């Protein structure tokens, strides 16, 4: 399993402290302009399952949803005729996002963390691994016609960093309420 905090653990004094230090540094970045992020980088017009993407989204049934994220950060894993299913990391608290990515690395196509590295998993994989319950609780179905930007493909070497950036924008409720709901689903 990949552990990006190995050196920090030694210098800062344990994993919990290193994770806290890292999250504090990310928060100090301040507000991140997500629409600007979606105009730069490796932009794609379609997704490939197993990679990570950030994009703008406006749900078709938003009036019926209790809440939704307009800037999903997703690991898509299955295409459908009109869209795809994916794990939206924003539905999980920051620390859990990191753990889920580390656990998903068990299903990586390679351990190089290069442009070819992708995660190979299915719904059945998520269902059978009890430690991946937060990921299962964060599965969403996205419709192609509701995507409002191109897809920003996140390099595998930056998955952990991207997961910690405060770019989620939930509508109807606060982020903490979404995280509570995800935790409730995983119990």
Protein backbone atom coordinates (compact mmCIF):
# COMPACT_ATOMS: atom_id res chain seq x y z
CA UNK A 1 0.00 0.00 0.00
CA UNK A 2 1.29 3.47 -0.85
CA UNK A 3 1.92 5.71 2.14
CA UNK A 4 2.76 9.27 1.13
CA UNK A 5 3.11 10.27 4.77
CA UNK A 6 6.01 7.92 5.58
CA UNK A 7 8.62 10.68 5.81
CA UNK A 8 6.23 13.04 7.60
CA UNK A 9 5.44 10.32 10.14
CA UNK A 10 9.09 10.22 11.10
CA UNK A 11 9.57 14.00 11.15
CA UNK A 12 6.27 15.08 12.71
CA UNK A 13 5.71 12.17 15.04
CA UNK A 14 3.06 9.78 13.79
CA UNK A 15 0.52 9.36 11.03
CA UNK A 16 -2.30 11.26 12.72
CA UNK A 17 -0.08 14.30 13.26
CA UNK A 18 1.25 14.19 9.70
CA UNK A 19 -2.25 13.98 8.23
CA UNK A 20 -3.38 16.89 10.42
CA UNK A 21 -0.32 18.91 9.38
CA UNK A 22 -1.01 18.22 5.70
CA UNK A 23 -4.69 19.17 5.97
CA UNK A 24 -3.77 22.40 7.79
CA UNK A 25 -1.38 23.34 4.99
CA UNK A 26 -4.05 22.64 2.34
CA UNK A 27 -6.62 24.77 4.22
CA UNK A 28 -4.13 27.66 4.35
CA UNK A 29 -4.27 27.78 0.56
CA UNK A 30 -7.60 29.51 1.01
CA UNK A 31 -10.43 29.56 -1.48
CA UNK A 32 -9.70 27.74 -4.68
CA UNK A 33 -11.41 28.96 -7.83
CA UNK A 34 -12.83 25.69 -9.14
CA UNK A 35 -14.17 27.13 -12.44
CA UNK A 36 -10.61 28.35 -13.17
CA UNK A 37 -9.22 24.88 -12.40
CA UNK A 38 -11.58 23.44 -15.00
CA UNK A 39 -10.06 25.62 -17.73
CA UNK A 40 -6.49 24.34 -17.28
CA UNK A 41 -4.69 21.03 -17.28
CA UNK A 42 -5.45 17.73 -18.95
CA UNK A 43 -9.03 18.41 -20.08
CA UNK A 44 -11.02 15.57 -21.64
CA UNK A 45 -14.40 15.37 -23.35
CA UNK A 46 -15.16 11.93 -21.93
CA UNK A 47 -14.17 9.76 -19.01
CA UNK A 48 -12.31 6.49 -18.89
CA UNK A 49 -13.17 4.30 -15.88
CA UNK A 50 -10.41 3.99 -13.31
CA UNK A 51 -8.95 7.49 -13.56
CA UNK A 52 -9.84 10.49 -11.37
CA UNK A 53 -11.70 13.51 -12.78
CA UNK A 54 -12.97 16.89 -11.59
CA UNK A 55 -15.77 18.61 -13.51
CA UNK A 56 -18.83 20.85 -13.21
CA UNK A 57 -22.20 19.15 -12.88
CA UNK A 58 -25.84 20.22 -12.58
CA UNK A 59 -28.08 17.27 -11.61
CA UNK A 60 -31.23 16.78 -13.64
CA UNK A 61 -33.26 15.94 -10.53
CA UNK A 62 -31.68 18.60 -8.28
CA UNK A 63 -35.07 19.71 -6.96
CA UNK A 64 -35.68 16.16 -5.68
CA UNK A 65 -32.23 15.66 -4.16
CA UNK A 66 -31.61 16.51 -0.49
CA UNK A 67 -28.14 17.85 -1.53
CA UNK A 68 -25.62 17.59 -4.37
CA UNK A 69 -22.07 18.57 -5.33
CA UNK A 70 -21.69 20.86 -8.35
CA UNK A 71 -17.94 20.08 -8.68
CA UNK A 72 -17.62 16.29 -8.30
CA UNK A 73 -14.20 14.68 -7.84
CA UNK A 74 -14.87 11.19 -9.13
CA UNK A 75 -13.33 7.81 -9.77
CA UNK A 76 -15.70 6.54 -12.51
CA UNK A 77 -15.99 2.75 -12.61
CA UNK A 78 -18.85 1.91 -14.97
CA UNK A 79 -20.25 3.57 -18.06
CA UNK A 80 -23.96 3.53 -18.85
CA UNK A 81 -25.83 4.44 -22.03
CA UNK A 82 -26.39 7.98 -20.79
CA UNK A 83 -23.54 8.52 -18.32
CA UNK A 84 -21.50 6.68 -15.72
CA UNK A 85 -21.28 5.55 -12.11
CA UNK A 86 -18.46 6.82 -9.95
CA UNK A 87 -17.25 7.39 -6.42
CA UNK A 88 -17.45 11.09 -5.57
CA UNK A 89 -14.72 11.64 -2.98
CA UNK A 90 -16.30 14.91 -1.85
CA UNK A 91 -19.01 12.98 -0.01
CA UNK A 92 -16.35 11.74 2.44
CA UNK A 93 -14.41 13.67 5.11
CA UNK A 94 -10.82 14.50 4.10
CA UNK A 95 -9.08 11.78 6.14
CA UNK A 96 -11.43 9.08 4.86
CA UNK A 97 -10.79 10.20 1.26
CA UNK A 98 -7.10 9.53 1.75
CA UNK A 99 -7.74 6.09 3.26
CA UNK A 100 -10.12 5.14 0.45
CA UNK A 101 -7.57 6.11 -2.21
CA UNK A 102 -4.89 4.09 -0.41
CA UNK A 103 -7.23 1.09 -0.23
CA UNK A 104 -8.24 1.45 -3.89
CA UNK A 105 -4.55 1.32 -4.82
CA UNK A 106 -4.76 -2.43 -4.14
CA UNK A 107 -6.69 -2.53 -7.44
CA UNK A 108 -4.23 -0.34 -9.38
CA UNK A 109 -3.14 -1.39 -12.85
CA UNK A 110 0.46 -0.75 -11.74
CA UNK A 111 2.34 0.70 -8.75
CA UNK A 112 4.31 3.29 -10.77
CA UNK A 113 1.75 6.06 -10.22
CA UNK A 114 2.34 7.27 -13.77
CA UNK A 115 -0.06 8.46 -16.49
CA UNK A 116 -1.12 4.86 -17.18
CA UNK A 117 -1.99 4.00 -13.57
CA UNK A 118 -5.69 3.49 -13.05
CA UNK A 119 -7.89 1.71 -10.56
CA UNK A 120 -9.68 -1.44 -11.72
CA UNK A 121 -12.70 -2.08 -9.56
CA UNK A 122 -16.40 -2.82 -9.82
CA UNK A 123 -19.42 -2.31 -7.64
CA UNK A 124 -18.95 -5.89 -6.45
CA UNK A 125 -15.41 -4.98 -5.33
CA UNK A 126 -16.79 -2.14 -3.21
CA UNK A 127 -19.57 -4.31 -1.85
CA UNK A 128 -17.23 -7.10 -0.75
CA UNK A 129 -14.59 -4.93 0.97
CA UNK A 130 -15.92 -3.72 4.33
CA UNK A 131 -13.14 -1.11 4.61
CA UNK A 132 -14.46 0.51 1.41
CA UNK A 133 -17.93 1.24 2.85
CA UNK A 134 -17.40 5.02 2.64
CA UNK A 135 -16.66 4.64 -1.07
CA UNK A 136 -19.79 2.56 -1.59
CA UNK A 137 -21.85 5.21 0.24
CA UNK A 138 -20.43 7.86 -2.12
CA UNK A 139 -21.39 6.22 -5.42
CA UNK A 140 -23.38 8.50 -7.69
CA UNK A 141 -24.85 8.14 -11.17
CA UNK A 142 -23.87 11.03 -13.43
CA UNK A 143 -25.68 11.84 -16.67
CA UNK A 144 -23.60 13.03 -19.63
CA UNK A 145 -26.17 15.67 -20.58
CA UNK A 146 -25.83 17.30 -17.13
CA UNK A 147 -22.03 17.69 -17.23
CA UNK A 148 -21.26 21.44 -17.52
CA UNK A 149 -17.53 21.41 -18.30
CA UNK A 150 -14.85 19.25 -19.76
CA UNK A 151 -13.34 16.65 -17.45
CA UNK A 152 -10.09 17.61 -15.73
CA UNK A 153 -8.09 14.38 -15.56
CA UNK A 154 -6.06 14.23 -12.36
CA UNK A 155 -2.68 12.46 -12.70
CA UNK A 156 -2.40 9.44 -10.40
CA UNK A 157 0.60 11.00 -8.67
CA UNK A 158 -1.71 13.84 -7.54
CA UNK A 159 -4.77 11.84 -6.42
CA UNK A 160 -4.09 12.33 -2.70
CA UNK A 161 -3.40 16.05 -3.13
CA UNK A 162 -6.53 16.56 -5.25
CA UNK A 163 -8.63 14.70 -2.69
CA UNK A 164 -7.59 17.21 -0.01
CA UNK A 165 -8.33 20.39 -1.94
CA UNK A 166 -11.45 22.24 -0.73
CA UNK A 167 -13.16 22.41 -4.13
CA UNK A 168 -16.45 20.69 -3.25
CA UNK A 169 -19.54 22.90 -3.50
CA UNK A 170 -22.60 21.31 -2.00
CA UNK A 171 -26.02 22.81 -2.58
CA UNK A 172 -28.89 22.79 -0.06
CA UNK A 173 -26.80 21.72 2.97
CA UNK A 174 -23.40 22.31 4.52
CA UNK A 175 -20.49 20.01 3.82
CA UNK A 176 -20.47 18.66 7.39
CA UNK A 177 -24.07 17.48 7.01
CA UNK A 178 -23.14 15.55 3.86
CA UNK A 179 -20.24 13.91 5.69
CA UNK A 180 -22.50 12.95 8.60
CA UNK A 181 -24.90 11.31 6.17
CA UNK A 182 -22.05 9.35 4.56
CA UNK A 183 -20.84 8.20 7.98
CA UNK A 184 -24.38 7.13 8.88
CA UNK A 185 -24.57 5.01 5.72
CA UNK A 186 -21.29 3.26 6.59
CA UNK A 187 -22.29 2.10 10.07
